[in-house]
Protein backbone atom coordinates (compact mmCIF):
# COMPACT_ATOMS: atom_id res chain seq x y z
CA UNK A 1 114.72 89.60 -77.77
CA UNK A 2 115.00 92.90 -79.89
CA UNK A 3 118.53 93.04 -81.25
CA UNK A 4 120.01 95.95 -83.57
CA UNK A 5 123.22 94.99 -85.92
CA UNK A 6 125.45 97.82 -86.49
CA UNK A 7 127.75 97.29 -89.56
CA UNK A 8 130.70 99.58 -89.86
CA UNK A 9 133.02 100.23 -92.54
CA UNK A 10 135.34 103.07 -93.25
CA UNK A 11 137.18 104.96 -95.96
CA UNK A 12 140.40 106.52 -96.00
CA UNK A 13 143.49 106.01 -93.76
CA UNK A 14 144.98 107.47 -90.35
CA UNK A 15 147.71 109.20 -92.11
CA UNK A 16 148.19 112.83 -92.62
CA UNK A 17 146.53 114.69 -95.14
CA UNK A 18 147.44 114.12 -99.13
CA UNK A 19 145.69 115.06 -102.08
CA UNK A 20 144.72 111.41 -102.96
CA UNK A 21 143.72 110.75 -99.21
CA UNK A 22 141.86 114.21 -98.09
CA UNK A 23 139.00 112.42 -95.88
CA UNK A 24 138.21 109.69 -93.62
CA UNK A 25 135.06 108.22 -93.25
CA UNK A 26 133.09 105.85 -91.09
CA UNK A 27 129.66 104.49 -92.37
CA UNK A 28 127.23 102.89 -89.37
CA UNK A 29 124.54 100.70 -91.00
CA UNK A 30 121.69 100.31 -88.42
CA UNK A 31 119.43 97.30 -88.89
CA UNK A 32 116.45 96.26 -86.77
CA UNK A 33 116.66 92.02 -86.82
CA UNK A 34 112.91 92.22 -86.57
CA UNK A 35 113.25 93.54 -90.41
CA UNK A 36 114.04 90.60 -92.28
CA UNK A 37 116.04 91.43 -95.40
CA UNK A 38 116.50 87.63 -96.47
CA UNK A 39 114.23 88.23 -99.73
CA UNK A 40 116.44 91.31 -100.73
CA UNK A 41 119.74 89.09 -100.21
CA UNK A 42 118.57 86.72 -102.40
CA UNK A 43 117.47 88.77 -104.86
CA UNK A 44 120.99 90.42 -104.98
CA UNK A 45 122.66 87.19 -105.00
CA UNK A 46 120.52 86.20 -107.99
CA UNK A 47 121.30 89.07 -110.09
CA UNK A 48 125.09 88.86 -109.33
CA UNK A 49 124.82 84.90 -109.99
CA UNK A 50 123.19 86.08 -113.52
CA UNK A 51 126.13 88.27 -114.04
CA UNK A 52 128.65 85.28 -113.40
CA UNK A 53 129.88 85.88 -110.11
CA UNK A 54 129.35 82.98 -107.41
CA UNK A 55 127.13 82.86 -104.65
CA UNK A 56 129.61 84.58 -101.54
CA UNK A 57 130.95 87.41 -104.12
CA UNK A 58 131.75 90.56 -102.05
CA UNK A 59 131.57 93.86 -103.99
CA UNK A 60 134.19 96.40 -103.06
CA UNK A 61 133.24 99.35 -104.34
CA UNK A 62 136.20 101.74 -104.74
CA UNK A 63 138.24 98.72 -106.34
CA UNK A 64 134.98 98.48 -108.78
CA UNK A 65 134.99 102.23 -109.85
CA UNK A 66 138.89 102.39 -110.49
CA UNK A 67 139.15 99.08 -112.46
CA UNK A 68 141.45 97.45 -109.91
CA UNK A 69 142.03 94.10 -108.48
CA UNK A 70 139.46 91.76 -109.81
CA UNK A 71 137.57 94.11 -112.12
CA UNK A 72 140.85 94.91 -114.01
CA UNK A 73 139.29 93.50 -117.24
CA UNK A 74 135.40 94.10 -116.23
CA UNK A 75 134.12 96.65 -118.89
CA UNK A 76 132.68 99.95 -117.54
CA UNK A 77 128.78 98.93 -118.34
CA UNK A 78 129.37 95.64 -116.17
CA UNK A 79 131.20 97.46 -113.23
CA UNK A 80 127.94 100.02 -113.33
CA UNK A 81 125.48 97.14 -113.47
CA UNK A 82 127.24 95.46 -110.33
CA UNK A 83 127.28 98.93 -108.23
CA UNK A 84 123.68 99.48 -109.39
CA UNK A 85 122.74 95.88 -107.99
CA UNK A 86 124.32 96.70 -104.54
CA UNK A 87 123.03 100.50 -104.65
CA UNK A 88 119.59 99.26 -105.10
CA UNK A 89 119.77 96.41 -102.68
CA UNK A 90 120.85 98.95 -99.94
CA UNK A 91 118.06 101.48 -101.12
CA UNK A 92 115.45 99.03 -100.46
CA UNK A 93 116.26 97.25 -97.68
CA UNK A 94 114.90 98.38 -94.28
CA UNK A 95 117.91 99.83 -92.48
CA UNK A 96 119.33 103.44 -91.59
CA UNK A 97 122.84 104.85 -91.50
CA UNK A 98 124.75 107.37 -89.78
CA UNK A 99 127.99 108.69 -91.62
CA UNK A 100 131.03 110.60 -90.00
CA UNK A 101 133.10 112.38 -92.42
CA UNK A 102 136.26 113.96 -91.13
CA UNK A 103 138.43 116.54 -93.35
CA UNK A 104 142.11 115.27 -92.68
CA UNK A 105 143.38 118.98 -93.53
CA UNK A 106 141.92 120.05 -90.12
CA UNK A 107 144.10 117.48 -88.13
CA UNK A 108 147.73 118.07 -87.31
CA UNK A 109 148.34 114.48 -86.22
CA UNK A 110 146.28 111.29 -85.98
CA UNK A 111 145.76 111.59 -81.77
CA UNK A 112 143.50 114.76 -83.06
CA UNK A 113 141.73 112.84 -85.59
CA UNK A 114 141.22 110.03 -83.33
CA UNK A 115 139.48 112.40 -80.36
CA UNK A 116 137.39 113.87 -82.80
CA UNK A 117 135.83 110.85 -84.09
CA UNK A 118 135.74 109.62 -80.49
CA UNK A 119 133.68 112.69 -79.60
CA UNK A 120 131.42 112.66 -82.57
CA UNK A 121 130.28 109.00 -82.29
CA UNK A 122 129.98 109.26 -78.86
CA UNK A 123 127.89 112.72 -79.15
CA UNK A 124 125.64 110.31 -81.88
CA UNK A 125 125.21 107.65 -79.51
CA UNK A 126 124.18 109.88 -76.78
CA UNK A 127 121.75 111.88 -78.44
CA UNK A 128 119.75 108.90 -79.62
CA UNK A 129 119.93 107.12 -76.41
CA UNK A 130 116.74 106.25 -76.35
CA UNK A 131 116.70 104.67 -79.71
CA UNK A 132 119.39 102.76 -78.67
CA UNK A 133 118.23 101.62 -75.18
CA UNK A 134 114.97 100.40 -76.75
CA UNK A 135 116.81 96.99 -77.90
CA UNK A 136 117.86 94.19 -75.39
CA UNK A 137 121.17 93.80 -77.33
CA UNK A 138 123.36 95.69 -79.81
CA UNK A 139 125.93 93.66 -81.83
CA UNK A 140 128.44 95.53 -83.50
CA UNK A 141 129.89 93.70 -86.94
CA UNK A 142 133.54 95.10 -87.94
CA UNK A 143 136.21 93.30 -89.80
CA UNK A 144 138.78 95.12 -87.21
CA UNK A 145 140.64 96.48 -90.49
CA UNK A 146 142.11 99.15 -88.86
CA UNK A 147 143.15 98.82 -85.23
CA UNK A 148 142.55 102.66 -84.47
CA UNK A 149 138.88 102.40 -85.65
CA UNK A 150 138.54 99.34 -83.65
CA UNK A 151 139.97 100.78 -80.34
CA UNK A 152 137.27 103.75 -80.84
CA UNK A 153 134.51 101.51 -81.42
CA UNK A 154 134.42 99.55 -78.52
CA UNK A 155 135.74 102.45 -76.35
CA UNK A 156 132.77 104.41 -77.03
CA UNK A 157 130.20 101.56 -77.25
CA UNK A 158 131.47 100.61 -73.72
CA UNK A 159 131.04 104.26 -72.35
CA UNK A 160 127.59 104.74 -74.12
CA UNK A 161 125.81 101.76 -74.11
CA UNK A 162 124.49 99.32 -70.94
CA UNK A 163 125.19 96.22 -73.15
CA UNK A 164 126.75 95.60 -76.97
CA UNK A 165 128.92 92.56 -78.06
CA UNK A 166 131.41 92.67 -81.11
CA UNK A 167 131.58 90.41 -83.79
CA UNK A 168 134.33 90.14 -86.79
CA UNK A 169 133.24 89.96 -90.03
CA UNK A 170 134.14 88.81 -93.21
CA UNK A 171 133.12 91.21 -96.03
CA UNK A 172 131.63 87.82 -98.44
CA UNK A 173 129.62 87.02 -95.51
CA UNK A 174 127.37 89.85 -95.07
CA UNK A 175 125.75 91.89 -97.72
CA UNK A 176 124.85 94.79 -95.16
CA UNK A 177 128.66 95.17 -94.63
CA UNK A 178 128.90 95.69 -98.16
CA UNK A 179 126.53 98.28 -98.25
CA UNK A 180 128.50 100.16 -95.66
CA UNK A 181 131.34 100.23 -98.12
CA UNK A 182 128.81 101.57 -100.84
CA UNK A 183 128.04 104.60 -98.85
CA UNK A 184 131.15 105.36 -97.71
CA UNK A 185 132.31 105.41 -101.23
CA UNK A 186 129.00 107.70 -101.90
CA UNK A 187 129.82 109.84 -99.18
CA UNK A 188 133.32 110.36 -100.47
CA UNK A 189 132.23 111.05 -104.06
CA UNK A 190 129.73 113.55 -102.51
CA UNK A 191 132.44 115.57 -100.64
CA UNK A 192 134.54 115.53 -103.63
CA UNK A 193 132.09 116.74 -106.07
CA UNK A 194 131.51 119.74 -103.68
CA UNK A 195 135.07 120.38 -103.88
CA UNK A 196 136.25 119.53 -107.34
CA UNK A 197 135.75 117.48 -110.50
CA UNK A 198 135.18 113.58 -110.42
CA UNK A 199 137.91 111.56 -111.72
CA UNK A 200 138.27 109.78 -115.03
CA UNK A 201 137.28 106.56 -113.53
CA UNK A 202 134.34 107.87 -111.87
CA UNK A 203 133.30 109.60 -114.94
CA UNK A 204 133.14 106.28 -116.70
CA UNK A 205 130.97 104.88 -114.09
CA UNK A 206 128.96 108.17 -113.20
CA UNK A 207 129.21 110.21 -116.61
CA UNK A 208 128.45 113.32 -114.62
CA UNK A 209 128.10 114.88 -111.28
CA UNK A 210 124.55 115.81 -112.23
CA UNK A 211 123.81 112.02 -112.93
CA UNK A 212 125.83 110.68 -109.71
CA UNK A 213 123.52 113.25 -107.59
CA UNK A 214 120.30 112.46 -109.11
CA UNK A 215 120.66 108.52 -109.69
CA UNK A 216 122.52 107.63 -106.48
CA UNK A 217 123.57 110.38 -103.92
CA UNK A 218 120.16 111.97 -103.38
CA UNK A 219 118.03 108.64 -103.20
CA UNK A 220 120.67 107.23 -100.45
CA UNK A 221 120.53 110.41 -98.44
CA UNK A 222 116.95 109.23 -97.68
CA UNK A 223 118.22 106.42 -95.36
CA UNK A 224 120.38 108.79 -93.43
CA UNK A 225 119.47 108.58 -89.57
């Protein structure tokens, strides 16, 4: 039986536009289960183990960049190394991704944002229906982090696909869920670079817009669906 896994993560919130939260981003990672990535996962686990992190360690890229949570005392070089390990895992894995970015300035309230999100995700599925119908089953993996997005995803998939199932995930259990988090962050950085400068925390990790584009953003775009 051919199965397609869709790992979804988001960046931002459904609140009104604020300078510190100008965008809402949804990333879908598409993984054909016929393409085994076990070796890639083992290699990432081993690399993290060599850095002193336990087997089920989950990388969360925004706190990593901002030196928050468990990364508060982690030096910049080690944080960049962790980011790079997850990046190269994502780049080398046999996956595709689709990113939806919404500029919150364009929406007066949450309902308008939700409606646009549902419309764009529906259009993506409908435009690629032949691709999705090539699978016997589609499995959506999401952590139900935001109820609005949970509702949109379930409604859209039920409308556009004849068969699918939903599984709630914990980030530590799925490297591709962490990869979706990484792509959300890179898409956010791309948008910020186009409309301004990197923050001090971002410059510590990526050094400059030019290096960020060359080393990370441009290569990852090749995986875009």
